[in-house]
N, C-alpha and C. Protein backbone atom coordinates (compact mmCIF):
# COMPACT_ATOMS: atom_id res chain seq x y z
N MET A 1 0.72 -1.13 0.01
CA MET A 1 -0.07 -0.06 -0.06
C MET A 1 0.90 1.18 -0.06
N ILE A 2 2.02 1.27 0.76
CA ILE A 2 2.85 2.46 0.88
C ILE A 2 3.50 2.65 -0.45
N LYS A 3 3.86 1.53 -1.09
CA LYS A 3 4.57 1.63 -2.47
C LYS A 3 3.56 2.28 -3.52
N THR A 4 2.40 1.75 -3.58
CA THR A 4 1.36 2.42 -4.41
C THR A 4 1.14 3.89 -4.14
N TYR A 5 1.23 4.21 -2.80
CA TYR A 5 0.92 5.69 -2.40
C TYR A 5 2.19 6.51 -2.98
N GLN A 6 3.27 5.92 -2.84
CA GLN A 6 4.52 6.73 -3.26
C GLN A 6 4.54 6.83 -4.97
N GLN A 7 3.95 5.73 -5.44
CA GLN A 7 4.00 5.73 -7.01
C GLN A 7 3.04 6.78 -7.40
N ILE A 8 1.84 6.93 -6.76
CA ILE A 8 0.97 7.94 -7.12
C ILE A 8 1.52 9.42 -6.91
N ILE A 9 2.24 9.61 -5.78
CA ILE A 9 2.80 10.90 -5.65
C ILE A 9 3.83 11.15 -6.69
N ALA A 10 4.56 10.21 -6.97
CA ALA A 10 5.53 10.35 -8.17
C ALA A 10 5.01 10.75 -9.38
N PHE A 11 3.83 10.06 -9.75
CA PHE A 11 2.99 10.28 -11.04
C PHE A 11 2.45 11.72 -10.88
N LEU A 12 1.91 12.27 -9.75
CA LEU A 12 1.35 13.46 -9.67
C LEU A 12 2.52 14.64 -9.87
N VAL A 13 3.60 14.32 -9.35
CA VAL A 13 4.67 15.37 -9.32
C VAL A 13 5.24 15.44 -10.76
N GLU A 14 5.43 14.31 -11.52
CA GLU A 14 5.88 14.21 -12.79
C GLU A 14 4.92 15.02 -13.68
N SER A 15 3.65 14.78 -13.38
CA SER A 15 2.43 15.53 -14.18
C SER A 15 2.46 17.04 -13.98
N ALA A 16 2.71 17.47 -12.76
CA ALA A 16 2.89 18.81 -12.43
C ALA A 16 4.01 19.43 -13.15
N ARG A 17 5.10 18.59 -13.13
CA ARG A 17 6.50 19.11 -13.79
C ARG A 17 6.09 19.31 -15.25
N LYS A 18 5.46 18.46 -15.96
CA LYS A 18 5.13 18.49 -17.32
C LYS A 18 4.33 19.77 -17.66
N ASN A 19 3.39 20.00 -16.78
CA ASN A 19 2.43 21.20 -16.90
C ASN A 19 3.21 22.40 -16.83
N ALA A 20 4.14 22.40 -15.75
CA ALA A 20 5.00 23.71 -15.56
C ALA A 20 5.84 23.96 -16.81
N ASP A 21 6.56 22.96 -17.32
CA ASP A 21 7.44 22.97 -18.42
C ASP A 21 6.59 23.41 -19.70
N SER A 22 5.39 22.97 -19.98
CA SER A 22 4.59 23.37 -20.96
C SER A 22 4.18 24.80 -20.94
N ARG A 23 4.02 25.37 -19.69
CA ARG A 23 3.63 26.75 -19.43
C ARG A 23 4.85 27.65 -19.32
N GLY A 24 6.00 27.12 -19.25
CA GLY A 24 7.26 27.97 -19.12
C GLY A 24 7.40 28.55 -17.69
N VAL A 25 6.85 27.78 -16.75
CA VAL A 25 7.00 28.27 -15.24
C VAL A 25 8.08 27.48 -14.63
N ASP A 26 8.75 28.05 -13.66
CA ASP A 26 9.64 27.36 -12.80
C ASP A 26 8.92 26.37 -12.02
N PHE A 27 9.58 25.21 -11.88
CA PHE A 27 8.97 24.11 -11.05
C PHE A 27 9.93 23.75 -9.83
N ASP A 28 9.08 23.72 -8.75
CA ASP A 28 9.71 23.30 -7.32
C ASP A 28 9.26 22.01 -6.99
N GLU A 29 10.10 20.94 -7.18
CA GLU A 29 9.66 19.59 -7.02
C GLU A 29 9.36 19.30 -5.49
N GLU A 30 10.26 19.88 -4.53
CA GLU A 30 9.88 19.69 -3.20
C GLU A 30 8.62 20.31 -2.76
N ARG A 31 8.27 21.39 -3.19
CA ARG A 31 6.90 22.04 -2.90
C ARG A 31 5.71 21.18 -3.45
N SER A 32 5.98 20.80 -4.70
CA SER A 32 4.92 20.01 -5.31
C SER A 32 4.73 18.72 -4.49
N THR A 33 5.93 18.02 -4.26
CA THR A 33 5.71 16.71 -3.44
C THR A 33 5.06 16.99 -2.11
N LYS A 34 5.44 18.05 -1.31
CA LYS A 34 4.79 18.29 -0.08
C LYS A 34 3.27 18.58 -0.26
N MET A 35 2.86 19.34 -1.40
CA MET A 35 1.53 19.66 -1.62
C MET A 35 0.79 18.33 -1.81
N HIS A 36 1.22 17.53 -2.73
CA HIS A 36 0.55 16.30 -2.95
C HIS A 36 0.47 15.34 -1.81
N GLU A 37 1.49 15.31 -1.02
CA GLU A 37 1.48 14.42 0.02
C GLU A 37 0.53 14.78 1.02
N ALA A 38 0.21 16.23 1.14
CA ALA A 38 -0.76 16.74 2.11
C ALA A 38 -2.27 16.68 1.60
N VAL A 39 -2.42 16.52 0.36
CA VAL A 39 -3.80 16.46 -0.16
C VAL A 39 -4.27 15.27 -0.50
N LEU A 40 -3.41 14.34 -0.89
CA LEU A 40 -3.95 12.90 -1.45
C LEU A 40 -4.61 12.18 -0.35
N PRO A 41 -4.13 12.11 0.89
CA PRO A 41 -5.02 11.40 1.93
C PRO A 41 -6.45 11.94 2.01
N LEU A 42 -6.65 13.37 1.85
CA LEU A 42 -8.15 13.84 1.80
C LEU A 42 -8.83 13.25 0.56
N ILE A 43 -8.14 13.28 -0.48
CA ILE A 43 -8.77 12.69 -1.73
C ILE A 43 -9.23 11.30 -1.49
N ILE A 44 -8.34 10.56 -0.99
CA ILE A 44 -8.59 9.10 -0.86
C ILE A 44 -9.73 8.92 0.23
N PHE A 45 -9.79 9.77 1.21
CA PHE A 45 -10.83 9.64 2.16
C PHE A 45 -12.17 10.03 1.60
N TYR A 46 -12.21 10.92 0.74
CA TYR A 46 -13.49 11.37 0.00
C TYR A 46 -13.93 10.42 -0.99
N ILE A 47 -13.07 9.47 -1.52
CA ILE A 47 -13.43 8.34 -2.30
C ILE A 47 -13.84 7.26 -1.46
N LEU A 48 -13.22 6.86 -0.41
CA LEU A 48 -13.53 5.75 0.42
C LEU A 48 -14.75 5.75 1.17
N VAL A 49 -15.16 7.12 1.73
CA VAL A 49 -16.26 7.17 2.49
C VAL A 49 -17.58 6.79 1.84
N PRO A 50 -17.81 7.48 0.53
CA PRO A 50 -19.02 6.87 -0.29
C PRO A 50 -19.08 5.48 -0.55
N LEU A 51 -17.87 4.91 -0.83
CA LEU A 51 -17.84 3.56 -1.12
C LEU A 51 -18.37 2.73 0.16
N ILE A 52 -17.70 3.02 1.35
CA ILE A 52 -18.09 2.39 2.66
C ILE A 52 -19.54 2.61 2.78
N ASN A 53 -20.06 3.84 2.60
CA ASN A 53 -21.41 4.06 2.93
C ASN A 53 -22.36 3.35 1.97
N PHE A 54 -22.03 3.11 0.72
CA PHE A 54 -22.76 2.37 -0.33
C PHE A 54 -22.78 0.85 0.06
N ILE A 55 -21.64 0.41 0.41
CA ILE A 55 -21.56 -1.16 0.71
C ILE A 55 -22.19 -1.46 2.08
N ALA A 56 -21.96 -0.69 3.13
CA ALA A 56 -22.58 -0.85 4.41
C ALA A 56 -22.90 0.37 5.06
N PRO A 57 -24.19 0.80 4.73
CA PRO A 57 -24.58 2.15 5.17
C PRO A 57 -24.58 2.30 6.84
N ASN A 58 -24.66 2.95 7.56
CA ASN A 58 -24.74 3.11 9.04
C ASN A 58 -23.37 2.61 9.68
N ILE A 59 -22.35 2.35 8.96
CA ILE A 59 -21.06 1.98 9.65
C ILE A 59 -20.34 3.24 10.20
N LEU A 60 -20.24 4.28 9.36
CA LEU A 60 -19.65 5.53 9.83
C LEU A 60 -20.75 6.48 10.41
N ALA A 61 -20.45 6.77 11.57
CA ALA A 61 -21.24 7.65 12.35
C ALA A 61 -20.72 9.15 12.00
N GLY A 62 -21.50 10.11 12.12
CA GLY A 62 -21.19 11.47 11.70
C GLY A 62 -19.98 11.99 12.53
N GLU A 63 -19.99 11.53 13.91
CA GLU A 63 -19.00 12.01 14.62
C GLU A 63 -17.46 11.43 14.23
N ILE A 64 -17.48 10.09 13.86
CA ILE A 64 -16.33 9.49 13.40
C ILE A 64 -15.81 10.11 12.11
N TYR A 65 -16.77 10.33 11.28
CA TYR A 65 -16.39 10.98 10.04
C TYR A 65 -15.80 12.32 10.23
N LEU A 66 -16.34 13.18 11.10
CA LEU A 66 -15.82 14.51 11.35
C LEU A 66 -14.55 14.57 11.98
N ILE A 67 -14.30 13.50 12.86
CA ILE A 67 -13.00 13.42 13.61
C ILE A 67 -11.94 13.04 12.67
N VAL A 68 -12.16 12.01 11.85
CA VAL A 68 -11.15 11.42 10.81
C VAL A 68 -10.94 12.79 9.82
N LEU A 69 -11.92 13.43 9.35
CA LEU A 69 -11.66 14.56 8.48
C LEU A 69 -11.01 15.61 8.98
N ILE A 70 -11.16 15.96 10.28
CA ILE A 70 -10.56 17.08 10.90
C ILE A 70 -9.04 16.64 11.10
N PHE A 71 -8.75 15.34 11.48
CA PHE A 71 -7.40 14.80 11.70
C PHE A 71 -6.60 14.83 10.38
N LEU A 72 -7.29 14.50 9.37
CA LEU A 72 -6.61 14.41 7.95
C LEU A 72 -6.24 15.96 7.50
N ILE A 73 -7.18 16.88 7.73
CA ILE A 73 -6.81 18.25 7.46
C ILE A 73 -5.72 18.75 8.23
N LEU A 74 -5.75 18.48 9.53
CA LEU A 74 -4.53 19.00 10.31
C LEU A 74 -3.16 18.23 9.95
N ARG A 75 -3.22 17.08 9.76
CA ARG A 75 -2.16 16.31 9.27
C ARG A 75 -1.63 16.84 7.98
N GLY A 76 -2.31 17.05 7.11
CA GLY A 76 -1.99 17.60 5.85
C GLY A 76 -1.33 19.01 5.86
N ALA A 77 -2.15 19.90 6.59
CA ALA A 77 -1.57 21.35 7.05
C ALA A 77 -0.17 21.19 7.55
N ASN A 78 -0.11 20.46 8.66
CA ASN A 78 1.11 20.25 9.36
C ASN A 78 2.27 19.72 8.36
N HIS A 79 1.87 18.89 7.63
CA HIS A 79 2.92 18.14 6.69
C HIS A 79 3.38 19.18 5.67
N TYR A 80 2.52 20.02 5.23
CA TYR A 80 2.86 21.04 4.22
C TYR A 80 3.63 22.10 4.89
N PHE A 81 3.26 22.77 6.09
CA PHE A 81 3.80 23.93 6.47
C PHE A 81 4.78 23.55 7.47
N GLY A 82 4.81 22.33 8.04
CA GLY A 82 5.97 21.88 9.08
C GLY A 82 5.81 22.53 10.35
N TRP A 83 4.65 22.65 10.95
CA TRP A 83 4.55 23.33 12.29
C TRP A 83 5.20 22.46 13.32
N ILE A 84 4.88 21.16 13.29
CA ILE A 84 5.34 20.30 14.35
C ILE A 84 6.27 19.34 13.81
N LYS A 85 7.61 19.37 14.33
CA LYS A 85 8.57 18.66 13.83
C LYS A 85 9.07 17.62 14.82
N LEU A 86 9.17 16.25 14.58
CA LEU A 86 9.72 15.42 15.57
C LEU A 86 11.13 15.12 15.35
N ILE A 87 11.85 15.13 16.62
CA ILE A 87 13.18 15.21 16.60
C ILE A 87 13.65 13.75 17.23
N LYS A 88 14.47 13.21 16.60
CA LYS A 88 15.09 11.83 17.01
C LYS A 88 16.21 12.03 17.84
N LYS A 89 16.18 11.39 19.13
CA LYS A 89 17.31 11.57 19.92
C LYS A 89 18.37 10.37 19.48
N ASP A 90 19.65 10.63 19.80
CA ASP A 90 20.62 9.63 19.40
C ASP A 90 20.73 8.71 20.63
């Protein structure tokens, strides 16, 4: 699953690079990677929730849905802006 996720990110970054090249705009690969890594979990969440509700309606309660959505938004914003950084001790 992680390998597939990384392949999707690589595809999206490469696509963004081609779009920037065709428009003649400078491309920042690190910024594009951060942006896609921040947004992709939200997109996957919005795809999975309707599928789960279609297959088994009443599994996801509204509170659980909102908690997961808020968590993903905060995680994506933190990943993009780097507010919280984990430091590894030696």
